[in-house]
């Protein structure tokens, strides 16, 4: 189980994510920003950082800096998608015995 302190930290973090999402969504709607394009740009940028061998923390921090209008939730969710895609690509390469294409 988790301690009360750990649960409290998660609650605070979730509150920060929700407030960030609300604030930035309002700004994006006001500025009429294309969310789909923003998300695609964020994903491509993050894939480039991952290809450079950067870890999760570095990728997220650099993406937040590069795309200040993107919400932390979008950035974290996008990193998860990239990570899931990598796992699937590695599994497919393994199944096809194509070990040279397994990403390290």
PDB file of N, CA and C in Angstrom:
ATOM      1  N   UNK A   1       0.806  -1.182   0.000  1.00  0.00           N
ATOM      2  CA  UNK A   1       0.000   0.000   0.000  1.00  0.00           C
ATOM      3  C   UNK A   1       0.857   1.257   0.000  1.00  0.00           C
ATOM      4  N   UNK A   2       0.186   2.337  -0.108  1.00  0.00           N
ATOM      5  CA  UNK A   2       0.840   3.643  -0.119  1.00  0.00           C
ATOM      6  C   UNK A   2       0.605   4.354   1.206  1.00  0.00           C
ATOM      7  N   UNK A   3       1.561   5.175   1.571  1.00  0.00           N
ATOM      8  CA  UNK A   3       1.403   5.973   2.783  1.00  0.00           C
ATOM      9  C   UNK A   3       0.519   7.179   2.467  1.00  0.00           C
ATOM     10  N   UNK A   4       0.013   7.803   3.515  1.00  0.00           N
ATOM     11  CA  UNK A   4      -0.809   8.996   3.343  1.00  0.00           C
ATOM     12  C   UNK A   4      -0.018  10.077   2.617  1.00  0.00           C
ATOM     13  N   UNK A   5       1.259  10.208   2.948  1.00  0.00           N
ATOM     14  CA  UNK A   5       2.119  11.223   2.323  1.00  0.00           C
ATOM     15  C   UNK A   5       2.240  10.984   0.816  1.00  0.00           C
ATOM     16  N   UNK A   6       2.410   9.720   0.414  1.00  0.00           N
ATOM     17  CA  UNK A   6       2.519   9.392  -1.011  1.00  0.00           C
ATOM     18  C   UNK A   6       1.214   9.702  -1.746  1.00  0.00           C
ATOM     19  N   UNK A   7       0.101   9.371  -1.105  1.00  0.00           N
ATOM     20  CA  UNK A   7      -1.207   9.651  -1.696  1.00  0.00           C
ATOM     21  C   UNK A   7      -1.403  11.156  -1.844  1.00  0.00           C
ATOM     22  N   UNK A   8      -1.008  11.904  -0.839  1.00  0.00           N
ATOM     23  CA  UNK A   8      -1.141  13.368  -0.868  1.00  0.00           C
ATOM     24  C   UNK A   8      -0.306  13.968  -2.008  1.00  0.00           C
ATOM     25  N   UNK A   9       0.907  13.455  -2.210  1.00  0.00           N
ATOM     26  CA  UNK A   9       1.762  13.943  -3.298  1.00  0.00           C
ATOM     27  C   UNK A   9       1.103  13.698  -4.656  1.00  0.00           C
ATOM     28  N   UNK A  10       0.489  12.535  -4.815  1.00  0.00           N
ATOM     29  CA  UNK A  10      -0.192  12.208  -6.072  1.00  0.00           C
ATOM     30  C   UNK A  10      -1.389  13.142  -6.275  1.00  0.00           C
ATOM     31  N   UNK A  11      -2.132  13.414  -5.194  1.00  0.00           N
ATOM     32  CA  UNK A  11      -3.274  14.329  -5.293  1.00  0.00           C
ATOM     33  C   UNK A  11      -2.824  15.723  -5.727  1.00  0.00           C
ATOM     34  N   UNK A  12      -1.748  16.203  -5.149  1.00  0.00           N
ATOM     35  CA  UNK A  12      -1.222  17.527  -5.495  1.00  0.00           C
ATOM     36  C   UNK A  12      -0.785  17.554  -6.955  1.00  0.00           C
ATOM     37  N   UNK A  13      -0.084  16.511  -7.386  1.00  0.00           N
ATOM     38  CA  UNK A  13       0.371  16.421  -8.772  1.00  0.00           C
ATOM     39  C   UNK A  13      -0.814  16.396  -9.738  1.00  0.00           C
ATOM     40  N   UNK A  14      -1.839  15.620  -9.411  1.00  0.00           N
ATOM     41  CA  UNK A  14      -3.027  15.545 -10.268  1.00  0.00           C
ATOM     42  C   UNK A  14      -3.726  16.899 -10.344  1.00  0.00           C
ATOM     43  N   UNK A  15      -3.798  17.603  -9.231  1.00  0.00           N
ATOM     44  CA  UNK A  15      -4.408  18.933  -9.214  1.00  0.00           C
ATOM     45  C   UNK A  15      -3.636  19.879 -10.120  1.00  0.00           C
ATOM     46  N   UNK A  16      -2.305  19.825 -10.053  1.00  0.00           N
ATOM     47  CA  UNK A  16      -1.474  20.667 -10.919  1.00  0.00           C
ATOM     48  C   UNK A  16      -1.723  20.353 -12.395  1.00  0.00           C
ATOM     49  N   UNK A  17      -1.818  19.063 -12.735  1.00  0.00           N
ATOM     50  CA  UNK A  17      -2.072  18.663 -14.120  1.00  0.00           C
ATOM     51  C   UNK A  17      -3.430  19.190 -14.592  1.00  0.00           C
ATOM     52  N   UNK A  18      -4.449  19.067 -13.747  1.00  0.00           N
ATOM     53  CA  UNK A  18      -5.794  19.507 -14.115  1.00  0.00           C
ATOM     54  C   UNK A  18      -5.832  21.019 -14.320  1.00  0.00           C
ATOM     55  N   UNK A  19      -5.215  21.766 -13.414  1.00  0.00           N
ATOM     56  CA  UNK A  19      -5.192  23.224 -13.543  1.00  0.00           C
ATOM     57  C   UNK A  19      -4.415  23.656 -14.786  1.00  0.00           C
ATOM     58  N   UNK A  20      -3.287  22.991 -15.061  1.00  0.00           N
ATOM     59  CA  UNK A  20      -2.494  23.278 -16.260  1.00  0.00           C
ATOM     60  C   UNK A  20      -3.322  23.008 -17.511  1.00  0.00           C
ATOM     61  N   UNK A  21      -4.006  21.886 -17.527  1.00  0.00           N
ATOM     62  CA  UNK A  21      -4.847  21.499 -18.670  1.00  0.00           C
ATOM     63  C   UNK A  21      -5.935  22.550 -18.900  1.00  0.00           C
ATOM     64  N   UNK A  22      -6.601  22.948 -17.833  1.00  0.00           N
ATOM     65  CA  UNK A  22      -7.692  23.924 -17.928  1.00  0.00           C
ATOM     66  C   UNK A  22      -7.181  25.272 -18.447  1.00  0.00           C
ATOM     67  N   UNK A  23      -6.096  25.755 -17.872  1.00  0.00           N
ATOM     68  CA  UNK A  23      -5.534  27.056 -18.245  1.00  0.00           C
ATOM     69  C   UNK A  23      -5.058  27.075 -19.699  1.00  0.00           C
ATOM     70  N   UNK A  24      -4.298  26.062 -20.081  1.00  0.00           N
ATOM     71  CA  UNK A  24      -3.739  26.040 -21.432  1.00  0.00           C
ATOM     72  C   UNK A  24      -4.800  25.756 -22.489  1.00  0.00           C
ATOM     73  N   UNK A  25      -5.798  24.953 -22.155  1.00  0.00           N
ATOM     74  CA  UNK A  25      -6.883  24.693 -23.096  1.00  0.00           C
ATOM     75  C   UNK A  25      -7.641  25.984 -23.387  1.00  0.00           C
ATOM     76  N   UNK A  26      -7.871  26.774 -22.357  1.00  0.00           N
ATOM     77  CA  UNK A  26      -8.552  28.058 -22.530  1.00  0.00           C
ATOM     78  C   UNK A  26      -7.740  28.975 -23.454  1.00  0.00           C
ATOM     79  N   UNK A  27      -6.431  29.020 -23.248  1.00  0.00           N
ATOM     80  CA  UNK A  27      -5.547  29.847 -24.083  1.00  0.00           C
ATOM     81  C   UNK A  27      -5.556  29.352 -25.528  1.00  0.00           C
ATOM     82  N   UNK A  28      -5.457  28.038 -25.710  1.00  0.00           N
ATOM     83  CA  UNK A  28      -5.429  27.464 -27.059  1.00  0.00           C
ATOM     84  C   UNK A  28      -6.732  27.727 -27.803  1.00  0.00           C
ATOM     85  N   UNK A  29      -7.859  27.639 -27.092  1.00  0.00           N
ATOM     86  CA  UNK A  29      -9.149  27.914 -27.724  1.00  0.00           C
ATOM     87  C   UNK A  29      -9.242  29.381 -28.130  1.00  0.00           C
ATOM     88  N   UNK A  30      -8.768  30.268 -27.254  1.00  0.00           N
ATOM     89  CA  UNK A  30      -8.787  31.707 -27.536  1.00  0.00           C
ATOM     90  C   UNK A  30      -7.943  32.032 -28.768  1.00  0.00           C
ATOM     91  N   UNK A  31      -6.785  31.383 -28.871  1.00  0.00           N
ATOM     92  CA  UNK A  31      -5.865  31.642 -29.982  1.00  0.00           C
ATOM     93  C   UNK A  31      -6.182  30.793 -31.212  1.00  0.00           C
ATOM     94  N   UNK A  32      -7.228  29.969 -31.099  1.00  0.00           N
ATOM     95  CA  UNK A  32      -7.665  29.120 -32.203  1.00  0.00           C
ATOM     96  C   UNK A  32      -6.529  28.226 -32.721  1.00  0.00           C
ATOM     97  N   UNK A  33      -5.801  27.604 -31.807  1.00  0.00           N
ATOM     98  CA  UNK A  33      -4.679  26.726 -32.150  1.00  0.00           C
ATOM     99  C   UNK A  33      -5.212  25.356 -32.574  1.00  0.00           C
ATOM    100  N   UNK A  34      -4.651  24.811 -33.634  1.00  0.00           N
ATOM    101  CA  UNK A  34      -5.023  23.484 -34.119  1.00  0.00           C
ATOM    102  C   UNK A  34      -4.381  22.440 -33.200  1.00  0.00           C
ATOM    103  N   UNK A  35      -5.200  21.855 -32.330  1.00  0.00           N
ATOM    104  CA  UNK A  35      -4.697  20.904 -31.335  1.00  0.00           C
ATOM    105  C   UNK A  35      -4.101  19.659 -31.984  1.00  0.00           C
ATOM    106  N   UNK A  36      -4.696  19.205 -33.071  1.00  0.00           N
ATOM    107  CA  UNK A  36      -4.184  18.006 -33.737  1.00  0.00           C
ATOM    108  C   UNK A  36      -2.784  18.262 -34.278  1.00  0.00           C
ATOM    109  N   UNK A  37      -2.594  19.412 -34.908  1.00  0.00           N
ATOM    110  CA  UNK A  37      -1.269  19.750 -35.437  1.00  0.00           C
ATOM    111  C   UNK A  37      -0.268  19.918 -34.301  1.00  0.00           C
ATOM    112  N   UNK A  38      -0.683  20.577 -33.226  1.00  0.00           N
ATOM    113  CA  UNK A  38       0.204  20.758 -32.075  1.00  0.00           C
ATOM    114  C   UNK A  38       0.640  19.401 -31.535  1.00  0.00           C
ATOM    115  N   UNK A  39      -0.313  18.487 -31.387  1.00  0.00           N
ATOM    116  CA  UNK A  39       0.021  17.166 -30.859  1.00  0.00           C
ATOM    117  C   UNK A  39       0.955  16.407 -31.803  1.00  0.00           C
ATOM    118  N   UNK A  40       0.740  16.530 -33.103  1.00  0.00           N
ATOM    119  CA  UNK A  40       1.627  15.861 -34.069  1.00  0.00           C
ATOM    120  C   UNK A  40       3.030  16.452 -34.004  1.00  0.00           C
ATOM    121  N   UNK A  41       3.124  17.780 -33.895  1.00  0.00           N
ATOM    122  CA  UNK A  41       4.430  18.440 -33.786  1.00  0.00           C
ATOM    123  C   UNK A  41       5.157  18.009 -32.517  1.00  0.00           C
ATOM    124  N   UNK A  42       4.412  17.942 -31.418  1.00  0.00           N
ATOM    125  CA  UNK A  42       4.989  17.515 -30.139  1.00  0.00           C
ATOM    126  C   UNK A  42       5.516  16.087 -30.262  1.00  0.00           C
ATOM    127  N   UNK A  43       4.718  15.215 -30.875  1.00  0.00           N
ATOM    128  CA  UNK A  43       5.113  13.803 -31.003  1.00  0.00           C
ATOM    129  C   UNK A  43       6.377  13.649 -31.838  1.00  0.00           C
ATOM    130  N   UNK A  44       6.454  14.351 -32.952  1.00  0.00           N
ATOM    131  CA  UNK A  44       7.647  14.267 -33.803  1.00  0.00           C
ATOM    132  C   UNK A  44       8.883  14.789 -33.075  1.00  0.00           C
ATOM    133  N   UNK A  45       8.724  15.890 -32.362  1.00  0.00           N
ATOM    134  CA  UNK A  45       9.839  16.461 -31.601  1.00  0.00           C
ATOM    135  C   UNK A  45      10.316  15.468 -30.536  1.00  0.00           C
ATOM    136  N   UNK A  46       9.360  14.866 -29.830  1.00  0.00           N
ATOM    137  CA  UNK A  46       9.706  13.914 -28.775  1.00  0.00           C
ATOM    138  C   UNK A  46      10.377  12.669 -29.349  1.00  0.00           C
ATOM    139  N   UNK A  47       9.900  12.194 -30.492  1.00  0.00           N
ATOM    140  CA  UNK A  47      10.523  11.025 -31.128  1.00  0.00           C
ATOM    141  C   UNK A  47      11.986  11.317 -31.445  1.00  0.00           C
ATOM    142  N   UNK A  48      12.260  12.537 -31.886  1.00  0.00           N
ATOM    143  CA  UNK A  48      13.640  12.932 -32.168  1.00  0.00           C
ATOM    144  C   UNK A  48      14.505  12.899 -30.921  1.00  0.00           C
ATOM    145  N   UNK A  49      13.958  13.365 -29.806  1.00  0.00           N
ATOM    146  CA  UNK A  49      14.713  13.350 -28.547  1.00  0.00           C
ATOM    147  C   UNK A  49      14.960  11.923 -28.066  1.00  0.00           C
ATOM    148  N   UNK A  50      13.945  11.072 -28.214  1.00  0.00           N
ATOM    149  CA  UNK A  50      14.095   9.664 -27.822  1.00  0.00           C
ATOM    150  C   UNK A  50      15.167   9.006 -28.688  1.00  0.00           C
ATOM    151  N   UNK A  51      15.166   9.312 -29.983  1.00  0.00           N
ATOM    152  CA  UNK A  51      16.163   8.752 -30.905  1.00  0.00           C
ATOM    153  C   UNK A  51      17.577   9.192 -30.530  1.00  0.00           C
ATOM    154  N   UNK A  52      17.693  10.357 -29.883  1.00  0.00           N
ATOM    155  CA  UNK A  52      18.995  10.844 -29.421  1.00  0.00           C
ATOM    156  C   UNK A  52      19.433  10.152 -28.128  1.00  0.00           C
ATOM    157  N   UNK A  53      18.566   9.296 -27.586  1.00  0.00           N
ATOM    158  CA  UNK A  53      18.915   8.558 -26.376  1.00  0.00           C
ATOM    159  C   UNK A  53      18.568   9.274 -25.078  1.00  0.00           C
ATOM    160  N   UNK A  54      17.738  10.304 -25.165  1.00  0.00           N
ATOM    161  CA  UNK A  54      17.362  11.043 -23.953  1.00  0.00           C
ATOM    162  C   UNK A  54      16.366  10.223 -23.144  1.00  0.00           C
ATOM    163  N   UNK A  55      16.426  10.388 -21.816  1.00  0.00           N
ATOM    164  CA  UNK A  55      15.502   9.648 -20.958  1.00  0.00           C
ATOM    165  C   UNK A  55      14.173  10.392 -20.834  1.00  0.00           C
ATOM    166  N   UNK A  56      13.202   9.744 -20.196  1.00  0.00           N
ATOM    167  CA  UNK A  56      11.845  10.295 -20.072  1.00  0.00           C
ATOM    168  C   UNK A  56      11.849  11.708 -19.501  1.00  0.00           C
ATOM    169  N   UNK A  57      12.569  11.907 -18.405  1.00  0.00           N
ATOM    170  CA  UNK A  57      12.586  13.214 -17.745  1.00  0.00           C
ATOM    171  C   UNK A  57      13.133  14.289 -18.683  1.00  0.00           C
ATOM    172  N   UNK A  58      14.233  13.994 -19.361  1.00  0.00           N
ATOM    173  CA  UNK A  58      14.837  14.958 -20.290  1.00  0.00           C
ATOM    174  C   UNK A  58      13.891  15.286 -21.443  1.00  0.00           C
ATOM    175  N   UNK A  59      13.267  14.255 -21.996  1.00  0.00           N
ATOM    176  CA  UNK A  59      12.355  14.450 -23.125  1.00  0.00           C
ATOM    177  C   UNK A  59      11.188  15.342 -22.707  1.00  0.00           C
ATOM    178  N   UNK A  60      10.603  15.041 -21.561  1.00  0.00           N
ATOM    179  CA  UNK A  60       9.445  15.813 -21.101  1.00  0.00           C
ATOM    180  C   UNK A  60       9.840  17.255 -20.790  1.00  0.00           C
ATOM    181  N   UNK A  61      10.947  17.452 -20.088  1.00  0.00           N
ATOM    182  CA  UNK A  61      11.379  18.813 -19.751  1.00  0.00           C
ATOM    183  C   UNK A  61      11.680  19.633 -21.003  1.00  0.00           C
ATOM    184  N   UNK A  62      12.390  19.047 -21.961  1.00  0.00           N
ATOM    185  CA  UNK A  62      12.729  19.775 -23.187  1.00  0.00           C
ATOM    186  C   UNK A  62      11.486  20.074 -24.021  1.00  0.00           C
ATOM    187  N   UNK A  63      10.533  19.154 -24.006  1.00  0.00           N
ATOM    188  CA  UNK A  63       9.298  19.362 -24.764  1.00  0.00           C
ATOM    189  C   UNK A  63       8.454  20.462 -24.131  1.00  0.00           C
ATOM    190  N   UNK A  64       8.384  20.481 -22.811  1.00  0.00           N
ATOM    191  CA  UNK A  64       7.646  21.544 -22.117  1.00  0.00           C
ATOM    192  C   UNK A  64       8.256  22.901 -22.457  1.00  0.00           C
ATOM    193  N   UNK A  65       9.578  22.969 -22.520  1.00  0.00           N
ATOM    194  CA  UNK A  65      10.264  24.218 -22.855  1.00  0.00           C
ATOM    195  C   UNK A  65      10.005  24.616 -24.310  1.00  0.00           C
ATOM    196  N   UNK A  66      10.083  23.641 -25.224  1.00  0.00           N
ATOM    197  CA  UNK A  66       9.924  23.907 -26.662  1.00  0.00           C
ATOM    198  C   UNK A  66       8.474  24.239 -27.021  1.00  0.00           C
ATOM    199  N   UNK A  67       7.520  23.596 -26.351  1.00  0.00           N
ATOM    200  CA  UNK A  67       6.097  23.784 -26.637  1.00  0.00           C
ATOM    201  C   UNK A  67       5.366  24.250 -25.375  1.00  0.00           C
ATOM    202  N   UNK A  68       5.534  25.503 -24.990  1.00  0.00           N
ATOM    203  CA  UNK A  68       4.921  25.986 -23.745  1.00  0.00           C
ATOM    204  C   UNK A  68       3.392  25.976 -23.770  1.00  0.00           C
ATOM    205  N   UNK A  69       2.798  25.942 -24.955  1.00  0.00           N
ATOM    206  CA  UNK A  69       1.334  25.914 -25.042  1.00  0.00           C
ATOM    207  C   UNK A  69       0.770  24.511 -24.855  1.00  0.00           C
ATOM    208  N   UNK A  70       1.595  23.500 -25.014  1.00  0.00           N
ATOM    209  CA  UNK A  70       1.140  22.121 -24.835  1.00  0.00           C
ATOM    210  C   UNK A  70       0.974  21.845 -23.347  1.00  0.00           C
ATOM    211  N   UNK A  71      -0.072  21.113 -23.010  1.00  0.00           N
ATOM    212  CA  UNK A  71      -0.298  20.799 -21.600  1.00  0.00           C
ATOM    213  C   UNK A  71       0.648  19.685 -21.156  1.00  0.00           C
ATOM    214  N   UNK A  72       0.922  19.661 -19.871  1.00  0.00           N
ATOM    215  CA  UNK A  72       1.776  18.598 -19.320  1.00  0.00           C
ATOM    216  C   UNK A  72       1.119  17.244 -19.533  1.00  0.00           C
ATOM    217  N   UNK A  73      -0.201  17.221 -19.440  1.00  0.00           N
ATOM    218  CA  UNK A  73      -0.937  15.983 -19.651  1.00  0.00           C
ATOM    219  C   UNK A  73      -0.729  15.477 -21.082  1.00  0.00           C
ATOM    220  N   UNK A  74      -0.837  16.370 -22.067  1.00  0.00           N
ATOM    221  CA  UNK A  74      -0.622  15.990 -23.470  1.00  0.00           C
ATOM    222  C   UNK A  74       0.793  15.459 -23.667  1.00  0.00           C
ATOM    223  N   UNK A  75       1.759  16.144 -23.096  1.00  0.00           N
ATOM    224  CA  UNK A  75       3.162  15.756 -23.262  1.00  0.00           C
ATOM    225  C   UNK A  75       3.424  14.393 -22.631  1.00  0.00           C
ATOM    226  N   UNK A  76       2.922  14.172 -21.420  1.00  0.00           N
ATOM    227  CA  UNK A  76       3.117  12.880 -20.756  1.00  0.00           C
ATOM    228  C   UNK A  76       2.396  11.763 -21.499  1.00  0.00           C
ATOM    229  N   UNK A  77       1.186  12.043 -21.958  1.00  0.00           N
ATOM    230  CA  UNK A  77       0.414  11.043 -22.703  1.00  0.00           C
ATOM    231  C   UNK A  77       1.133  10.693 -24.010  1.00  0.00           C
ATOM    232  N   UNK A  78       1.664  11.705 -24.680  1.00  0.00           N
ATOM    233  CA  UNK A  78       2.381  11.481 -25.937  1.00  0.00           C
ATOM    234  C   UNK A  78       3.637  10.655 -25.707  1.00  0.00           C
ATOM    235  N   UNK A  79       4.358  10.935 -24.624  1.00  0.00           N
ATOM    236  CA  UNK A  79       5.543  10.125 -24.328  1.00  0.00           C
ATOM    237  C   UNK A  79       5.136   8.668 -24.121  1.00  0.00           C
ATOM    238  N   UNK A  80       4.034   8.451 -23.420  1.00  0.00           N
ATOM    239  CA  UNK A  80       3.541   7.087 -23.212  1.00  0.00           C
ATOM    240  C   UNK A  80       3.228   6.386 -24.524  1.00  0.00           C
ATOM    241  N   UNK A  81       2.624   7.126 -25.467  1.00  0.00           N
ATOM    242  CA  UNK A  81       2.315   6.553 -26.781  1.00  0.00           C
ATOM    243  C   UNK A  81       3.596   6.161 -27.517  1.00  0.00           C
ATOM    244  N   UNK A  82       4.598   7.035 -27.467  1.00  0.00           N
ATOM    245  CA  UNK A  82       5.876   6.757 -28.135  1.00  0.00           C
ATOM    246  C   UNK A  82       6.528   5.525 -27.512  1.00  0.00           C
ATOM    247  N   UNK A  83       6.491   5.450 -26.199  1.00  0.00           N
ATOM    248  CA  UNK A  83       7.073   4.317 -25.484  1.00  0.00           C
ATOM    249  C   UNK A  83       6.344   3.023 -25.848  1.00  0.00           C
ATOM    250  N   UNK A  84       5.003   3.083 -25.919  1.00  0.00           N
ATOM    251  CA  UNK A  84       4.216   1.908 -26.305  1.00  0.00           C
ATOM    252  C   UNK A  84       4.546   1.470 -27.730  1.00  0.00           C
ATOM    253  N   UNK A  85       4.688   2.440 -28.639  1.00  0.00           N
ATOM    254  CA  UNK A  85       5.032   2.117 -30.029  1.00  0.00           C
ATOM    255  C   UNK A  85       6.386   1.426 -30.106  1.00  0.00           C
ATOM    256  N   UNK A  86       7.343   1.891 -29.307  1.00  0.00           N
ATOM    257  CA  UNK A  86       8.681   1.294 -29.291  1.00  0.00           C
ATOM    258  C   UNK A  86       8.601  -0.159 -28.832  1.00  0.00           C
ATOM    259  N   UNK A  87       7.816  -0.411 -27.788  1.00  0.00           N
ATOM    260  CA  UNK A  87       7.659  -1.774 -27.271  1.00  0.00           C
ATOM    261  C   UNK A  87       7.044  -2.670 -28.346  1.00  0.00           C
ATOM    262  N   UNK A  88       6.020  -2.165 -29.034  1.00  0.00           N
ATOM    263  CA  UNK A  88       5.382  -2.953 -30.095  1.00  0.00           C
ATOM    264  C   UNK A  88       6.336  -3.212 -31.259  1.00  0.00           C
ATOM    265  N   UNK A  89       7.099  -2.194 -31.638  1.00  0.00           N
ATOM    266  CA  UNK A  89       8.084  -2.370 -32.715  1.00  0.00           C
ATOM    267  C   UNK A  89       9.130  -3.413 -32.336  1.00  0.00           C
ATOM    268  N   UNK A  90       9.598  -3.361 -31.090  1.00  0.00           N
ATOM    269  CA  UNK A  90      10.591  -4.331 -30.617  1.00  0.00           C
ATOM    270  C   UNK A  90      10.011  -5.742 -30.597  1.00  0.00           C
ATOM    271  N   UNK A  91       8.752  -5.858 -30.156  1.00  0.00           N
ATOM    272  CA  UNK A  91       8.109  -7.172 -30.106  1.00  0.00           C
ATOM    273  C   UNK A  91       7.947  -7.739 -31.513  1.00  0.00           C
ATOM    274  N   UNK A  92       7.537  -6.897 -32.448  1.00  0.00           N
ATOM    275  CA  UNK A  92       7.376  -7.350 -33.833  1.00  0.00           C
ATOM    276  C   UNK A  92       8.716  -7.777 -34.417  1.00  0.00           C
ATOM    277  N   UNK A  93       9.757  -7.006 -34.152  1.00  0.00           N
ATOM    278  CA  UNK A  93      11.093  -7.351 -34.654  1.00  0.00           C
ATOM    279  C   UNK A  93      11.550  -8.679 -34.059  1.00  0.00           C
ATOM    280  N   UNK A  94      11.277  -8.886 -32.780  1.00  0.00           N
ATOM    281  CA  UNK A  94      11.669 -10.132 -32.113  1.00  0.00           C
ATOM    282  C   UNK A  94      10.915 -11.314 -32.720  1.00  0.00           C
ATOM    283  N   UNK A  95       9.612 -11.139 -32.905  1.00  0.00           N
ATOM    284  CA  UNK A  95       8.795 -12.212 -33.471  1.00  0.00           C
ATOM    285  C   UNK A  95       9.278 -12.566 -34.872  1.00  0.00           C
ATOM    286  N   UNK A  96       9.650 -11.562 -35.620  1.00  0.00           N
ATOM    287  CA  UNK A  96      10.131 -11.790 -36.984  1.00  0.00           C
ATOM    288  C   UNK A  96      11.619 -12.117 -37.013  1.00  0.00           C
ATOM    289  N   UNK A  97      12.210 -12.255 -35.820  1.00  0.00           N
ATOM    290  CA  UNK A  97      13.637 -12.551 -35.655  1.00  0.00           C
ATOM    291  C   UNK A  97      14.511 -11.550 -36.399  1.00  0.00           C
ATOM    292  N   UNK A  98      14.095 -10.313 -36.334  1.00  0.00           N
ATOM    293  CA  UNK A  98      14.826  -9.231 -36.985  1.00  0.00           C
ATOM    294  C   UNK A  98      15.549  -8.441 -35.893  1.00  0.00           C
ATOM    295  N   UNK A  99      16.476  -9.097 -35.221  1.00  0.00           N
ATOM    296  CA  UNK A  99      17.135  -8.516 -34.049  1.00  0.00           C
ATOM    297  C   UNK A  99      17.870  -7.210 -34.331  1.00  0.00           C
ATOM    298  N   UNK A 100      18.307  -6.989 -35.545  1.00  0.00           N
ATOM    299  CA  UNK A 100      19.041  -5.747 -35.836  1.00  0.00           C
ATOM    300  C   UNK A 100      18.131  -4.521 -35.751  1.00  0.00           C
ATOM    301  N   UNK A 101      16.804  -4.721 -35.830  1.00  0.00           N
ATOM    302  CA  UNK A 101      15.875  -3.592 -35.755  1.00  0.00           C
ATOM    303  C   UNK A 101      15.306  -3.373 -34.355  1.00  0.00           C
ATOM    304  N   UNK A 102      15.759  -4.141 -33.389  1.00  0.00           N
ATOM    305  CA  UNK A 102      15.300  -3.930 -32.019  1.00  0.00           C
ATOM    306  C   UNK A 102      16.015  -2.714 -31.462  1.00  0.00           C
ATOM    307  N   UNK A 103      15.215  -1.739 -31.017  1.00  0.00           N
ATOM    308  CA  UNK A 103      15.788  -0.488 -30.509  1.00  0.00           C
ATOM    309  C   UNK A 103      16.302  -0.702 -29.101  1.00  0.00           C
ATOM    310  N   UNK A 104      17.465  -0.184 -28.825  1.00  0.00           N
ATOM    311  CA  UNK A 104      18.070  -0.329 -27.495  1.00  0.00           C
ATOM    312  C   UNK A 104      17.642   0.810 -26.611  1.00  0.00           C
TER     313      UNK A 104
END
